[in-house]
Protein backbone atom coordinates (compact mmCIF):
# COMPACT_ATOMS: atom_id res chain seq x y z
CA MET A 1 0.27 0.45 -0.23
CA TRP A 2 2.78 2.32 0.77
CA LYS A 3 4.86 1.65 -2.53
CA GLU A 4 1.28 2.28 -4.70
CA LEU A 5 0.49 5.39 -2.72
CA ALA A 6 3.83 7.11 -2.42
CA PRO A 7 4.19 8.67 -5.93
CA ILE A 8 1.08 10.54 -5.91
CA GLY A 9 1.52 14.36 -5.65
CA ARG A 10 4.97 14.06 -5.29
CA HIS A 11 7.32 17.15 -6.63
CA ALA A 12 10.21 15.70 -8.39
CA GLU A 13 12.68 18.45 -7.35
CA SER A 14 11.41 19.14 -3.96
CA GLY A 15 10.88 15.71 -3.05
CA GLY A 16 8.25 16.97 -0.94
CA TYR A 17 4.21 16.05 -1.67
CA ARG A 18 1.54 18.92 -3.15
CA ARG A 19 -1.46 16.31 -2.40
CA TYR A 20 -4.09 19.93 -2.26
CA ALA A 21 -7.89 19.55 -2.18
CA TRP A 22 -9.71 19.05 -5.36
CA THR A 23 -6.02 19.16 -7.40
CA GLY A 24 -5.73 16.23 -9.41
CA ALA A 25 -3.22 14.86 -6.68
CA ASP A 26 -6.54 14.68 -4.64
CA ALA A 27 -8.35 12.84 -6.87
CA ASP A 28 -5.74 10.17 -7.36
CA CYS A 29 -5.51 9.41 -3.44
CA ARG A 30 -9.41 9.28 -3.61
CA VAL A 31 -9.02 6.41 -5.87
CA TRP A 32 -6.38 4.80 -4.39
CA PHE A 33 -8.59 5.05 -1.17
CA ARG A 34 -12.07 3.60 -3.05
CA GLU A 35 -9.43 0.53 -4.28
CA GLN A 36 -8.10 -0.18 -1.02
CA ALA A 37 -11.74 -0.63 0.52
CA GLU A 38 -12.95 -2.32 -2.53
CA ALA A 39 -10.10 -5.19 -2.66
CA ARG A 40 -11.09 -5.66 0.86
CA GLY A 41 -15.18 -6.08 0.29
CA LEU A 42 -15.57 -2.74 2.28
CA GLY A 43 -18.54 -0.41 0.91
CA CYS A 44 -17.22 2.95 0.19
CA GLU A 45 -19.03 6.16 0.58
CA VAL A 46 -18.61 9.85 -0.33
CA ASP A 47 -20.20 12.06 2.26
CA ARG A 48 -21.75 15.35 1.51
CA ASN A 49 -18.84 17.28 2.28
CA GLY A 50 -16.43 15.31 0.26
CA ASN A 51 -14.88 12.91 3.29
CA GLN A 52 -14.86 9.19 2.29
CA TRP A 53 -15.80 6.34 4.52
CA ALA A 54 -15.30 2.80 3.81
CA TRP A 55 -17.87 0.14 5.83
CA LEU A 56 -17.53 -3.13 7.21
CA GLY A 57 -20.92 -3.28 8.51
CA ASP A 58 -24.16 -1.51 8.66
CA PRO A 59 -23.51 2.25 8.00
CA LEU A 60 -26.65 3.15 9.40
CA GLY A 61 -25.84 1.37 12.49
CA ASP A 62 -25.25 2.83 15.70
CA ASP A 63 -22.21 3.16 18.05
CA ALA A 64 -19.64 2.29 15.21
CA VAL A 65 -16.06 2.51 15.74
CA VAL A 66 -13.96 4.47 13.27
CA THR A 67 -10.30 4.82 12.31
CA GLY A 68 -8.80 6.54 9.70
CA SER A 69 -6.93 10.49 8.81
CA HIS A 70 -6.11 12.00 5.54
CA LEU A 71 -4.30 11.99 2.80
CA ASP A 72 -3.91 15.65 1.80
CA SER A 73 -0.90 17.27 2.54
CA VAL A 74 0.91 21.20 3.13
CA PRO A 75 3.07 22.37 0.20
CA ASP A 76 5.99 20.13 0.06
CA GLY A 77 4.95 18.06 2.73
CA GLY A 78 6.08 15.01 4.12
CA ALA A 79 4.77 11.04 3.55
CA PHE A 80 3.83 10.32 6.34
CA ASP A 81 1.79 13.35 7.73
CA GLY A 82 -2.19 11.99 6.99
CA PRO A 83 -1.22 8.97 5.03
CA LEU A 84 0.25 6.68 7.93
CA GLY A 85 -3.05 6.81 9.55
CA VAL A 86 -5.00 5.63 6.64
CA VAL A 87 -2.48 3.27 5.38
CA SER A 88 -1.96 1.66 8.96
CA SER A 89 -5.88 1.58 9.40
CA PHE A 90 -6.20 -1.02 6.19
CA ALA A 91 -3.35 -2.81 7.73
CA ALA A 92 -4.73 -3.16 10.98
CA LEU A 93 -7.91 -4.85 9.37
CA ASP A 94 -6.15 -7.06 7.38
CA GLU A 95 -3.99 -7.91 10.88
CA LEU A 96 -7.49 -8.70 12.56
CA ARG A 97 -8.92 -10.57 9.71
CA ARG A 98 -5.63 -12.84 9.74
CA ARG A 99 -6.36 -13.15 14.17
CA GLY A 100 -9.69 -13.90 13.20
CA VAL A 101 -12.03 -11.87 15.25
CA GLU A 102 -15.50 -10.86 14.74
CA PHE A 103 -16.71 -7.21 14.94
CA THR A 104 -19.42 -6.70 17.24
CA ARG A 105 -20.04 -3.16 16.54
CA PRO A 106 -20.21 -1.41 12.84
CA PHE A 107 -16.59 -0.63 11.67
CA ALA A 108 -15.46 2.26 8.91
CA ILE A 109 -12.04 3.70 7.92
CA THR A 110 -12.54 7.01 6.78
CA ASN A 111 -10.31 9.74 4.60
CA PHE A 112 -11.37 13.27 5.85
CA GLY A 113 -10.68 16.30 2.65
CA ASP A 114 -8.93 19.12 2.83
CA GLU A 115 -7.38 18.70 6.22
CA GLU A 116 -4.12 20.70 5.87
CA GLY A 117 -5.91 23.72 4.60
CA ALA A 118 -2.91 24.22 1.98
CA ARG A 119 -5.21 25.61 -0.92
CA PHE A 120 -7.73 27.73 0.75
CA GLY A 121 -6.09 28.50 4.23
CA LEU A 122 -8.22 26.79 6.34
CA ALA A 123 -7.27 23.45 8.22
CA CYS A 124 -9.75 20.59 8.46
CA VAL A 125 -12.29 21.96 6.21
CA GLY A 126 -14.21 18.38 5.54
CA SER A 127 -14.67 16.95 8.97
CA ARG A 128 -15.32 21.01 10.39
CA LEU A 129 -18.25 20.97 7.81
CA ALA A 130 -19.44 17.86 8.99
CA ALA A 131 -19.11 18.84 12.67
CA GLY A 132 -21.09 22.15 12.10
CA GLN A 133 -17.73 24.09 13.08
CA LEU A 134 -17.57 25.61 9.78
CA THR A 135 -20.89 27.08 8.30
CA VAL A 136 -21.98 27.05 4.84
CA GLU A 137 -21.84 30.45 3.86
CA LYS A 138 -17.76 30.62 4.80
CA ALA A 139 -16.84 27.49 3.23
CA HIS A 140 -18.28 29.10 -0.23
CA GLN A 141 -16.31 32.35 0.70
CA LEU A 142 -13.06 30.51 0.60
CA ARG A 143 -10.50 31.11 -2.15
CA ASP A 144 -6.95 29.85 -3.11
CA GLY A 145 -4.04 32.01 -4.48
CA ASP A 146 -6.20 31.60 -8.10
CA GLY A 147 -9.20 33.38 -6.86
CA ILE A 148 -10.85 29.77 -7.22
CA THR A 149 -13.47 29.43 -5.04
CA LEU A 150 -14.42 25.84 -2.45
CA PRO A 151 -17.32 25.47 -4.35
CA GLN A 152 -15.89 25.96 -7.80
CA ALA A 153 -13.11 23.54 -7.06
CA MET A 154 -15.49 20.79 -5.35
CA GLU A 155 -17.78 21.34 -8.55
CA ALA A 156 -14.72 20.93 -11.12
CA ALA A 157 -13.41 17.87 -9.26
CA GLY A 158 -17.15 16.53 -9.62
CA TYR A 159 -19.01 16.81 -6.54
CA ASP A 160 -21.62 18.84 -5.63
CA PRO A 161 -20.60 21.83 -3.47
CA GLY A 162 -24.44 23.36 -2.91
CA ALA A 163 -24.88 19.81 -0.49
CA ILE A 164 -22.43 20.86 1.81
CA GLY A 165 -23.02 21.17 5.87
CA PRO A 166 -23.18 20.42 8.87
CA ASP A 167 -23.66 16.08 9.29
CA PRO A 168 -25.02 15.62 12.84
CA GLU A 169 -27.05 12.37 11.74
CA ARG A 170 -23.72 10.42 10.92
CA LEU A 171 -21.62 11.80 13.81
CA ALA A 172 -24.13 10.58 16.11
CA ARG A 173 -23.83 7.32 15.12
CA ILE A 174 -19.93 7.35 15.77
CA GLY A 175 -19.44 5.48 19.26
CA ALA A 176 -15.05 6.32 19.08
CA PHE A 177 -13.05 7.47 16.59
CA VAL A 178 -9.39 6.48 17.03
CA GLU A 179 -6.69 8.46 14.31
CA LEU A 180 -3.04 7.14 14.23
CA HIS A 181 -0.38 9.29 13.61
CA VAL A 182 3.39 9.97 13.39
CA GLU A 183 4.09 12.41 15.96
CA GLN A 184 5.25 15.94 14.70
CA GLY A 185 7.75 16.31 17.63
CA ARG A 186 10.48 14.19 19.20
CA SER A 187 8.81 13.03 22.46
CA LEU A 188 8.73 9.36 22.20
CA ASP A 189 12.12 9.34 20.34
CA LEU A 190 13.10 10.46 23.85
CA THR A 191 11.20 7.97 25.89
CA GLY A 192 12.45 5.44 24.05
CA ASP A 193 8.82 3.99 22.63
CA PRO A 194 7.46 3.16 19.44
CA VAL A 195 3.83 3.93 20.32
CA GLY A 196 2.22 6.80 22.30
CA ILE A 197 -1.30 8.14 23.04
CA ALA A 198 -2.64 11.47 23.07
CA SER A 199 -3.80 13.45 25.56
CA ALA A 200 -4.40 16.85 24.47
CA ILE A 201 -4.37 19.42 21.55
CA TRP A 202 -3.06 22.69 22.34
CA PRO A 203 -5.31 25.70 21.44
CA HIS A 204 -4.00 27.25 18.42
CA GLY A 205 -4.51 29.69 15.31
CA ARG A 206 -3.28 31.55 12.81
CA TRP A 207 -3.80 35.16 12.65
CA ARG A 208 -3.40 37.59 9.46
CA PHE A 209 -1.20 40.95 9.38
CA ASP A 210 -1.65 43.41 6.85
CA PHE A 211 0.81 46.01 6.75
CA ARG A 212 0.64 48.93 4.49
CA GLY A 213 2.84 51.63 3.18
CA GLU A 214 3.32 52.95 0.12
CA ALA A 215 4.89 51.91 -3.05
CA ASN A 216 8.09 53.55 -4.56
CA HIS A 217 11.14 53.28 -6.30
CA ALA A 218 13.92 51.07 -4.69
CA GLY A 219 16.87 53.09 -7.07
CA THR A 220 15.77 56.98 -6.13
CA THR A 221 13.73 57.02 -2.96
CA ARG A 222 16.03 58.08 -0.05
CA LEU A 223 15.93 55.87 3.31
CA VAL A 224 14.25 58.79 5.50
CA ASP A 225 11.46 59.22 2.80
CA ARG A 226 10.15 55.54 2.76
CA ARG A 227 7.14 53.93 4.51
CA ASP A 228 8.31 50.62 3.96
CA PRO A 229 6.12 47.99 5.38
CA MET A 230 8.62 45.40 4.89
CA LEU A 231 10.79 46.61 7.61
CA THR A 232 7.37 46.75 10.13
CA TYR A 233 7.35 43.54 9.11
CA ALA A 234 10.21 42.19 9.67
CA GLU A 235 10.23 43.27 13.42
CA THR A 236 6.91 41.73 13.43
CA VAL A 237 8.81 38.48 13.14
CA LEU A 238 11.60 39.11 15.70
CA ALA A 239 9.14 40.34 18.38
CA ALA A 240 7.10 37.16 17.53
CA ARG A 241 10.18 34.91 18.58
CA ARG A 242 11.21 37.22 21.25
CA GLU A 243 7.28 36.74 22.94
CA ALA A 244 6.96 32.80 22.00
CA GLU A 245 10.00 32.82 24.23
CA LEU A 246 9.01 34.49 27.01
CA THR A 247 5.82 32.54 27.74
CA GLY A 248 6.82 29.21 26.08
CA ALA A 249 4.68 29.57 23.56
CA LEU A 250 5.32 28.86 20.06
CA ALA A 251 4.63 31.64 17.29
CA THR A 252 5.73 31.32 13.32
CA PHE A 253 5.11 33.24 10.72
CA GLY A 254 5.43 30.93 7.58
CA LYS A 255 3.76 32.60 4.91
CA ILE A 256 3.93 35.86 3.26
CA ALA A 257 2.78 37.59 0.29
CA VAL A 258 3.78 41.32 -1.03
CA GLU A 259 2.46 43.95 -3.35
CA PRO A 260 3.56 44.73 -6.17
CA ASN A 261 6.60 42.13 -5.29
CA GLY A 262 9.01 43.65 -7.19
CA VAL A 263 12.56 43.27 -6.85
CA ASN A 264 13.25 47.33 -7.63
CA ALA A 265 10.06 48.39 -6.10
CA ILE A 266 9.44 49.26 -2.16
CA PRO A 267 6.43 46.91 -1.08
CA SER A 268 2.88 48.78 -0.49
CA LEU A 269 1.72 45.78 1.56
CA VAL A 270 3.16 42.98 3.04
CA ARG A 271 0.74 40.51 4.41
CA GLY A 272 1.78 37.99 7.12
CA TRP A 273 0.66 34.90 8.62
CA LEU A 274 1.31 33.86 11.99
CA ASP A 275 0.35 30.66 13.51
CA SER A 276 0.49 30.42 17.24
CA ARG A 277 0.12 27.80 20.00
CA ALA A 278 0.47 27.06 23.33
CA ALA A 279 -0.76 24.45 25.97
CA ASP A 280 -3.19 26.54 27.48
CA GLN A 281 -5.55 29.48 26.10
CA ASP A 282 -3.70 31.98 28.71
CA THR A 283 -0.24 31.68 27.13
CA LEU A 284 -1.86 31.48 23.50
CA ASP A 285 -3.55 35.13 24.72
CA ALA A 286 -0.37 36.41 26.13
CA VAL A 287 1.71 35.56 22.70
CA VAL A 288 -0.48 37.12 20.59
CA THR A 289 -1.12 40.05 22.47
CA GLY A 290 2.28 40.67 22.68
CA ILE A 291 2.91 40.01 19.25
CA GLU A 292 0.36 42.27 18.09
CA ARG A 293 1.07 45.24 20.30
CA ALA A 294 4.66 45.38 19.17
CA ALA A 295 4.00 45.02 15.71
CA ARG A 296 1.51 48.62 16.05
CA GLU A 297 4.34 49.96 17.96
CA HIS A 298 6.66 49.90 15.27
CA ALA A 299 3.65 50.50 12.48
CA GLU A 300 3.05 53.73 14.36
CA ARG A 301 6.82 54.45 14.45
CA ALA A 302 6.87 53.96 10.86
CA GLY A 303 3.60 55.23 9.36
CA ILE A 304 2.84 51.96 8.34
CA ASP A 305 -0.89 51.15 8.50
CA LEU A 306 -1.72 47.58 10.22
CA ASP A 307 -4.75 45.76 10.05
CA VAL A 308 -5.24 41.92 12.05
CA VAL A 309 -7.62 39.46 11.49
CA ARG A 310 -8.24 35.54 13.07
CA GLU A 311 -8.89 33.71 10.73
CA SER A 312 -8.82 30.73 12.40
CA PHE A 313 -8.82 29.10 15.72
CA THR A 314 -9.22 25.72 17.78
CA PRO A 315 -9.33 26.02 21.70
CA VAL A 316 -7.87 23.25 23.58
CA VAL A 317 -8.61 19.66 22.94
CA GLU A 318 -9.23 17.56 25.90
CA PHE A 319 -9.40 14.00 24.52
CA GLN A 320 -12.42 12.14 26.34
CA HIS A 321 -10.60 10.71 29.17
CA ALA A 322 -12.43 7.38 29.20
CA LEU A 323 -11.55 6.52 25.78
CA ARG A 324 -8.38 7.80 26.33
CA ASP A 325 -7.92 5.93 29.64
CA GLU A 326 -9.31 2.47 28.15
CA LEU A 327 -6.69 2.56 25.24
CA GLY A 328 -4.29 2.72 27.92
CA LYS A 329 -5.23 -0.34 29.53
CA ILE A 330 -5.60 -2.03 26.17
CA LEU A 331 -1.91 -1.21 25.17
CA THR A 332 -0.53 -1.56 28.48
CA GLY A 333 1.88 -4.73 29.00
CA ARG A 334 1.74 -5.47 25.23
CA GLY A 335 4.21 -7.64 23.52
CA GLY A 336 5.71 -9.04 26.94
CA ASP A 337 6.63 -5.69 28.44
CA ALA A 338 4.32 -6.31 31.34
CA GLY A 339 3.20 -3.78 32.95
CA ARG A 340 4.61 -1.00 30.93
CA ALA A 341 2.52 1.56 30.79
CA VAL A 342 2.24 3.38 27.48
CA PRO A 343 3.42 7.37 27.72
CA VAL A 344 0.93 9.70 26.79
CA LEU A 345 1.39 13.28 25.67
CA GLY A 346 -0.01 16.08 24.41
CA THR A 347 0.74 18.02 21.22
CA GLY A 348 0.94 21.52 19.35
CA ALA A 349 -0.54 20.15 16.04
CA GLY A 350 -3.96 20.18 14.74
CA HIS A 351 -5.98 16.69 13.85
CA ASP A 352 -9.42 15.77 12.52
CA ALA A 353 -9.71 13.69 15.49
CA GLY A 354 -9.58 17.33 18.10
CA ILE A 355 -12.21 18.62 15.73
CA LEU A 356 -14.72 15.60 16.15
CA SER A 357 -13.90 15.91 19.39
CA ALA A 358 -17.03 17.84 20.38
CA SER A 359 -19.25 15.59 18.71
CA VAL A 360 -17.88 12.48 19.24
CA PRO A 361 -15.88 10.58 21.35
CA THR A 362 -12.02 10.36 20.11
CA ALA A 363 -8.69 9.37 20.68
CA MET A 364 -5.38 9.38 19.27
CA LEU A 365 -2.22 7.04 18.70
CA PHE A 366 1.18 8.40 17.50
CA VAL A 367 3.89 6.54 15.77
CA ARG A 368 7.86 7.51 16.74
CA ASN A 369 9.31 9.82 14.83
CA PRO A 370 13.17 9.81 15.72
CA THR A 371 14.15 13.36 13.85
CA GLY A 372 10.71 14.81 15.21
CA ILE A 373 10.84 17.05 11.55
CA SER A 374 7.14 17.00 10.30
CA HIS A 375 5.59 19.26 7.24
CA SER A 376 8.82 18.68 5.71
CA PRO A 377 10.18 15.73 3.06
CA ALA A 378 12.22 14.46 6.15
CA GLU A 379 9.55 13.61 7.56
CA TYR A 380 10.26 9.84 8.85
CA ALA A 381 9.36 6.99 10.54
CA ALA A 382 11.26 3.39 10.57
CA GLU A 383 9.16 0.80 9.34
CA ASP A 384 9.49 -1.09 12.48
CA ASP A 385 7.75 1.66 14.13
CA CYS A 386 4.89 1.77 11.78
CA THR A 387 4.47 -1.78 11.99
CA ALA A 388 3.84 -1.36 15.69
CA GLY A 389 1.63 1.53 15.37
CA VAL A 390 -0.55 -1.05 13.20
CA ILE A 391 -0.65 -3.65 15.84
CA ALA A 392 -0.99 -0.98 18.83
CA LEU A 393 -3.98 0.28 16.10
CA ALA A 394 -5.60 -3.51 15.60
CA ASP A 395 -5.12 -3.95 19.34
CA VAL A 396 -7.34 -1.08 20.28
CA LEU A 397 -9.84 -1.69 17.40
CA GLU A 398 -10.42 -5.27 18.74
CA GLY A 399 -10.45 -3.88 22.21
CA LEU A 400 -13.62 -1.46 20.99
CA ALA A 401 -15.07 -3.41 18.63
CA CYS A 402 -14.47 -6.70 18.51
CA SER A 403 -15.51 -9.89 20.24
């Protein structure tokens, strides 16, 4: 499965993946998912928001156990973020069939659409729509860098954008959702464990900073006469690092747009996107407030106009303790390591499981990432650890859904 999926959407020069929502690469990933489902005799369907479901048992039954993740990527992303969870879900089903166990609850594997938000700037669009955390009106307003709206992209890919919206009936039939994911950090590498259990997802959000100055000639305009928004943006990037260090949070300016974007022109507009995350809400509020305050002080001194817009926000997600504890009991002492507890760790990365947690009991498993690198072609997990993740997921699914 891994070898079949690996070439899809891979960029020849960067070695990373460009599997953006409702593009050709996304369509190829969806075909791969459907073929894997059909090869196992699963019933495959696409819900109103473009999420794929592969069912074993009655899809209209209650108290279903669901696993899966996503197949899209960030720009030039790694091979494991998302796909490892989907591949492992199919492999875990194969393992359970090898064991000869019988499912006593409906079971499904899912591929949530547009989790990374690489094309339209909002993460977890498929799960947000299903959970009612993204309104139809706001979804219709989403545009990519070429001005193509989400409805236009869906329609071009053969899907009905008029059908999108909350899906409470479907979510009400799910008794548990377990998502396996490569760890996006080095906690497991430091403890020496191949698999861990998620405790919570940090609160996080994205803010857009628009710095407006005055376009002018780079070769003739005196330095003292310039209203250069790039300088104020640069000061804000440095301020973000300082505020993050002071508060123990994370703050990153990783995307920028410049107008007119000419080598010999002073910009009229610099637009930067801030991603910030912290272990608790108070700390997140403090770091973002500090960054904005510094940006406005620098802007005022330089004669730059500044607008700050919060584009997305996800509050802290505490995974359901009962389900999390159940996973811990199932996995403790596996493989002859009697009494050894599976580590429980928090994460600053957002996931579909975090979005669904408001509507469905959710839990997550992490697979060790020896470098901690993610959202990069260097993202990696060893084959033995991936296999350990499959076995752990199969153990969990057997404990939750099988006799």
